[in-house]
Amino acid sequence: MGLDGQSDPNSIHGGCEVLSGEKWSATKWMRQRPTT
């Protein structure tokens, strides 16, 4: 995300197929304003 709050097209990504084992993912939220 840029300083103006718009998404950055360079941050779009994909993942590889899991051929064996597990794949884990995590999300980190970045907020522009505090939550109530």
PDB file of N, CA and C in Angstrom:
ATOM      1  N   MET A   1       0.836  -1.155   0.000  1.00  0.00           N
ATOM      2  CA  MET A   1       0.000   0.000   0.000  1.00  0.00           C
ATOM      3  C   MET A   1       0.893   1.234   0.000  1.00  0.00           C
ATOM      4  N   GLY A   2       0.535   2.195  -0.816  1.00  0.00           N
ATOM      5  CA  GLY A   2       1.287   3.437  -0.867  1.00  0.00           C
ATOM      6  C   GLY A   2       0.861   4.392   0.237  1.00  0.00           C
ATOM      7  N   LEU A   3       1.562   5.487   0.383  1.00  0.00           N
ATOM      8  CA  LEU A   3       1.232   6.477   1.404  1.00  0.00           C
ATOM      9  C   LEU A   3      -0.147   7.086   1.180  1.00  0.00           C
ATOM     10  N   ASP A   4      -0.642   7.056  -0.054  1.00  0.00           N
ATOM     11  CA  ASP A   4      -1.971   7.584  -0.354  1.00  0.00           C
ATOM     12  C   ASP A   4      -3.085   6.571  -0.085  1.00  0.00           C
ATOM     13  N   GLY A   5      -2.742   5.378   0.399  1.00  0.00           N
ATOM     14  CA  GLY A   5      -3.729   4.355   0.729  1.00  0.00           C
ATOM     15  C   GLY A   5      -4.130   3.476  -0.433  1.00  0.00           C
ATOM     16  N   GLN A   6      -3.595   3.715  -1.605  1.00  0.00           N
ATOM     17  CA  GLN A   6      -3.923   2.909  -2.778  1.00  0.00           C
ATOM     18  C   GLN A   6      -3.047   1.656  -2.818  1.00  0.00           C
ATOM     19  N   SER A   7      -3.618   0.572  -3.345  1.00  0.00           N
ATOM     20  CA  SER A   7      -2.822  -0.652  -3.446  1.00  0.00           C
ATOM     21  C   SER A   7      -1.734  -0.481  -4.499  1.00  0.00           C
ATOM     22  N   ASP A   8      -0.638  -1.161  -4.274  1.00  0.00           N
ATOM     23  CA  ASP A   8       0.508  -1.109  -5.181  1.00  0.00           C
ATOM     24  C   ASP A   8       0.431  -2.318  -6.106  1.00  0.00           C
ATOM     25  N   PRO A   9       0.300  -2.108  -7.425  1.00  0.00           N
ATOM     26  CA  PRO A   9       0.205  -3.257  -8.332  1.00  0.00           C
ATOM     27  C   PRO A   9       1.427  -4.166  -8.282  1.00  0.00           C
ATOM     28  N   ASN A  10       2.559  -3.658  -7.820  1.00  0.00           N
ATOM     29  CA  ASN A  10       3.760  -4.494  -7.694  1.00  0.00           C
ATOM     30  C   ASN A  10       3.658  -5.482  -6.533  1.00  0.00           C
ATOM     31  N   SER A  11       2.660  -5.306  -5.648  1.00  0.00           N
ATOM     32  CA  SER A  11       2.528  -6.206  -4.498  1.00  0.00           C
ATOM     33  C   SER A  11       1.672  -7.430  -4.822  1.00  0.00           C
ATOM     34  N   ILE A  12       1.052  -7.471  -5.992  1.00  0.00           N
ATOM     35  CA  ILE A  12       0.242  -8.623  -6.379  1.00  0.00           C
ATOM     36  C   ILE A  12       1.176  -9.811  -6.621  1.00  0.00           C
ATOM     37  N   HIS A  13       0.804 -10.958  -6.079  1.00  0.00           N
ATOM     38  CA  HIS A  13       1.675 -12.123  -6.198  1.00  0.00           C
ATOM     39  C   HIS A  13       0.846 -13.398  -6.292  1.00  0.00           C
ATOM     40  N   GLY A  14       1.487 -14.464  -6.586  1.00  0.00           N
ATOM     41  CA  GLY A  14       0.866 -15.782  -6.621  1.00  0.00           C
ATOM     42  C   GLY A  14       1.753 -16.771  -5.893  1.00  0.00           C
ATOM     43  N   GLY A  15       1.232 -17.937  -5.661  1.00  0.00           N
ATOM     44  CA  GLY A  15       2.004 -18.950  -4.963  1.00  0.00           C
ATOM     45  C   GLY A  15       2.174 -20.196  -5.809  1.00  0.00           C
ATOM     46  N   CYS A  16       3.147 -20.980  -5.446  1.00  0.00           N
ATOM     47  CA  CYS A  16       3.411 -22.236  -6.153  1.00  0.00           C
ATOM     48  C   CYS A  16       2.506 -23.341  -5.614  1.00  0.00           C
ATOM     49  N   GLU A  17       2.204 -24.297  -6.451  1.00  0.00           N
ATOM     50  CA  GLU A  17       1.409 -25.451  -6.074  1.00  0.00           C
ATOM     51  C   GLU A  17       2.179 -26.299  -5.067  1.00  0.00           C
ATOM     52  N   VAL A  18       1.461 -26.804  -4.056  1.00  0.00           N
ATOM     53  CA  VAL A  18       2.078 -27.684  -3.062  1.00  0.00           C
ATOM     54  C   VAL A  18       2.077 -29.101  -3.615  1.00  0.00           C
ATOM     55  N   LEU A  19       3.250 -29.658  -3.834  1.00  0.00           N
ATOM     56  CA  LEU A  19       3.363 -31.017  -4.362  1.00  0.00           C
ATOM     57  C   LEU A  19       3.481 -32.049  -3.250  1.00  0.00           C
ATOM     58  N   SER A  20       4.009 -31.624  -2.100  1.00  0.00           N
ATOM     59  CA  SER A  20       4.166 -32.524  -0.972  1.00  0.00           C
ATOM     60  C   SER A  20       4.211 -31.695   0.300  1.00  0.00           C
ATOM     61  N   GLY A  21       3.560 -32.160   1.356  1.00  0.00           N
ATOM     62  CA  GLY A  21       3.599 -31.441   2.623  1.00  0.00           C
ATOM     63  C   GLY A  21       2.480 -30.419   2.745  1.00  0.00           C
ATOM     64  N   GLU A  22       2.740 -29.341   3.483  1.00  0.00           N
ATOM     65  CA  GLU A  22       1.739 -28.330   3.792  1.00  0.00           C
ATOM     66  C   GLU A  22       2.185 -26.962   3.319  1.00  0.00           C
ATOM     67  N   LYS A  23       1.217 -26.090   3.156  1.00  0.00           N
ATOM     68  CA  LYS A  23       1.507 -24.696   2.844  1.00  0.00           C
ATOM     69  C   LYS A  23       0.793 -23.843   3.881  1.00  0.00           C
ATOM     70  N   TRP A  24       1.513 -22.933   4.494  1.00  0.00           N
ATOM     71  CA  TRP A  24       0.964 -22.046   5.504  1.00  0.00           C
ATOM     72  C   TRP A  24       0.938 -20.629   4.960  1.00  0.00           C
ATOM     73  N   SER A  25      -0.012 -19.866   5.445  1.00  0.00           N
ATOM     74  CA  SER A  25      -0.132 -18.472   5.029  1.00  0.00           C
ATOM     75  C   SER A  25      -0.559 -17.635   6.227  1.00  0.00           C
ATOM     76  N   ALA A  26      -0.131 -16.393   6.268  1.00  0.00           N
ATOM     77  CA  ALA A  26      -0.526 -15.466   7.333  1.00  0.00           C
ATOM     78  C   ALA A  26      -0.875 -14.124   6.698  1.00  0.00           C
ATOM     79  N   THR A  27      -1.765 -13.402   7.355  1.00  0.00           N
ATOM     80  CA  THR A  27      -2.188 -12.093   6.868  1.00  0.00           C
ATOM     81  C   THR A  27      -1.876 -11.046   7.921  1.00  0.00           C
ATOM     82  N   LYS A  28      -1.358  -9.918   7.492  1.00  0.00           N
ATOM     83  CA  LYS A  28      -1.139  -8.790   8.395  1.00  0.00           C
ATOM     84  C   LYS A  28      -1.952  -7.617   7.866  1.00  0.00           C
ATOM     85  N   TRP A  29      -2.854  -7.122   8.689  1.00  0.00           N
ATOM     86  CA  TRP A  29      -3.685  -5.991   8.300  1.00  0.00           C
ATOM     87  C   TRP A  29      -2.948  -4.697   8.594  1.00  0.00           C
ATOM     88  N   MET A  30      -3.002  -3.768   7.667  1.00  0.00           N
ATOM     89  CA  MET A  30      -2.403  -2.444   7.845  1.00  0.00           C
ATOM     90  C   MET A  30      -3.535  -1.432   7.718  1.00  0.00           C
ATOM     91  N   ARG A  31      -3.885  -0.803   8.813  1.00  0.00           N
ATOM     92  CA  ARG A  31      -5.032   0.106   8.833  1.00  0.00           C
ATOM     93  C   ARG A  31      -4.584   1.555   8.707  1.00  0.00           C
ATOM     94  N   GLN A  32      -5.418   2.344   8.032  1.00  0.00           N
ATOM     95  CA  GLN A  32      -5.118   3.763   7.877  1.00  0.00           C
ATOM     96  C   GLN A  32      -5.529   4.553   9.114  1.00  0.00           C
ATOM     97  N   ARG A  33      -6.569   4.070   9.817  1.00  0.00           N
ATOM     98  CA  ARG A  33      -7.069   4.753  11.012  1.00  0.00           C
ATOM     99  C   ARG A  33      -7.221   3.734  12.140  1.00  0.00           C
ATOM    100  N   PRO A  34      -7.186   4.194  13.381  1.00  0.00           N
ATOM    101  CA  PRO A  34      -7.402   3.271  14.501  1.00  0.00           C
ATOM    102  C   PRO A  34      -8.812   2.670  14.459  1.00  0.00           C
ATOM    103  N   THR A  35      -8.951   1.453  14.956  1.00  0.00           N
ATOM    104  CA  THR A  35     -10.271   0.824  15.039  1.00  0.00           C
ATOM    105  C   THR A  35     -10.922   1.202  16.358  1.00  0.00           C
ATOM    106  N   THR A  36     -12.233   1.096  16.399  1.00  0.00           N
ATOM    107  CA  THR A  36     -12.946   1.450  17.637  1.00  0.00           C
ATOM    108  C   THR A  36     -13.297   0.228  18.426  1.00  0.00           C
TER     109      THR A  36
END
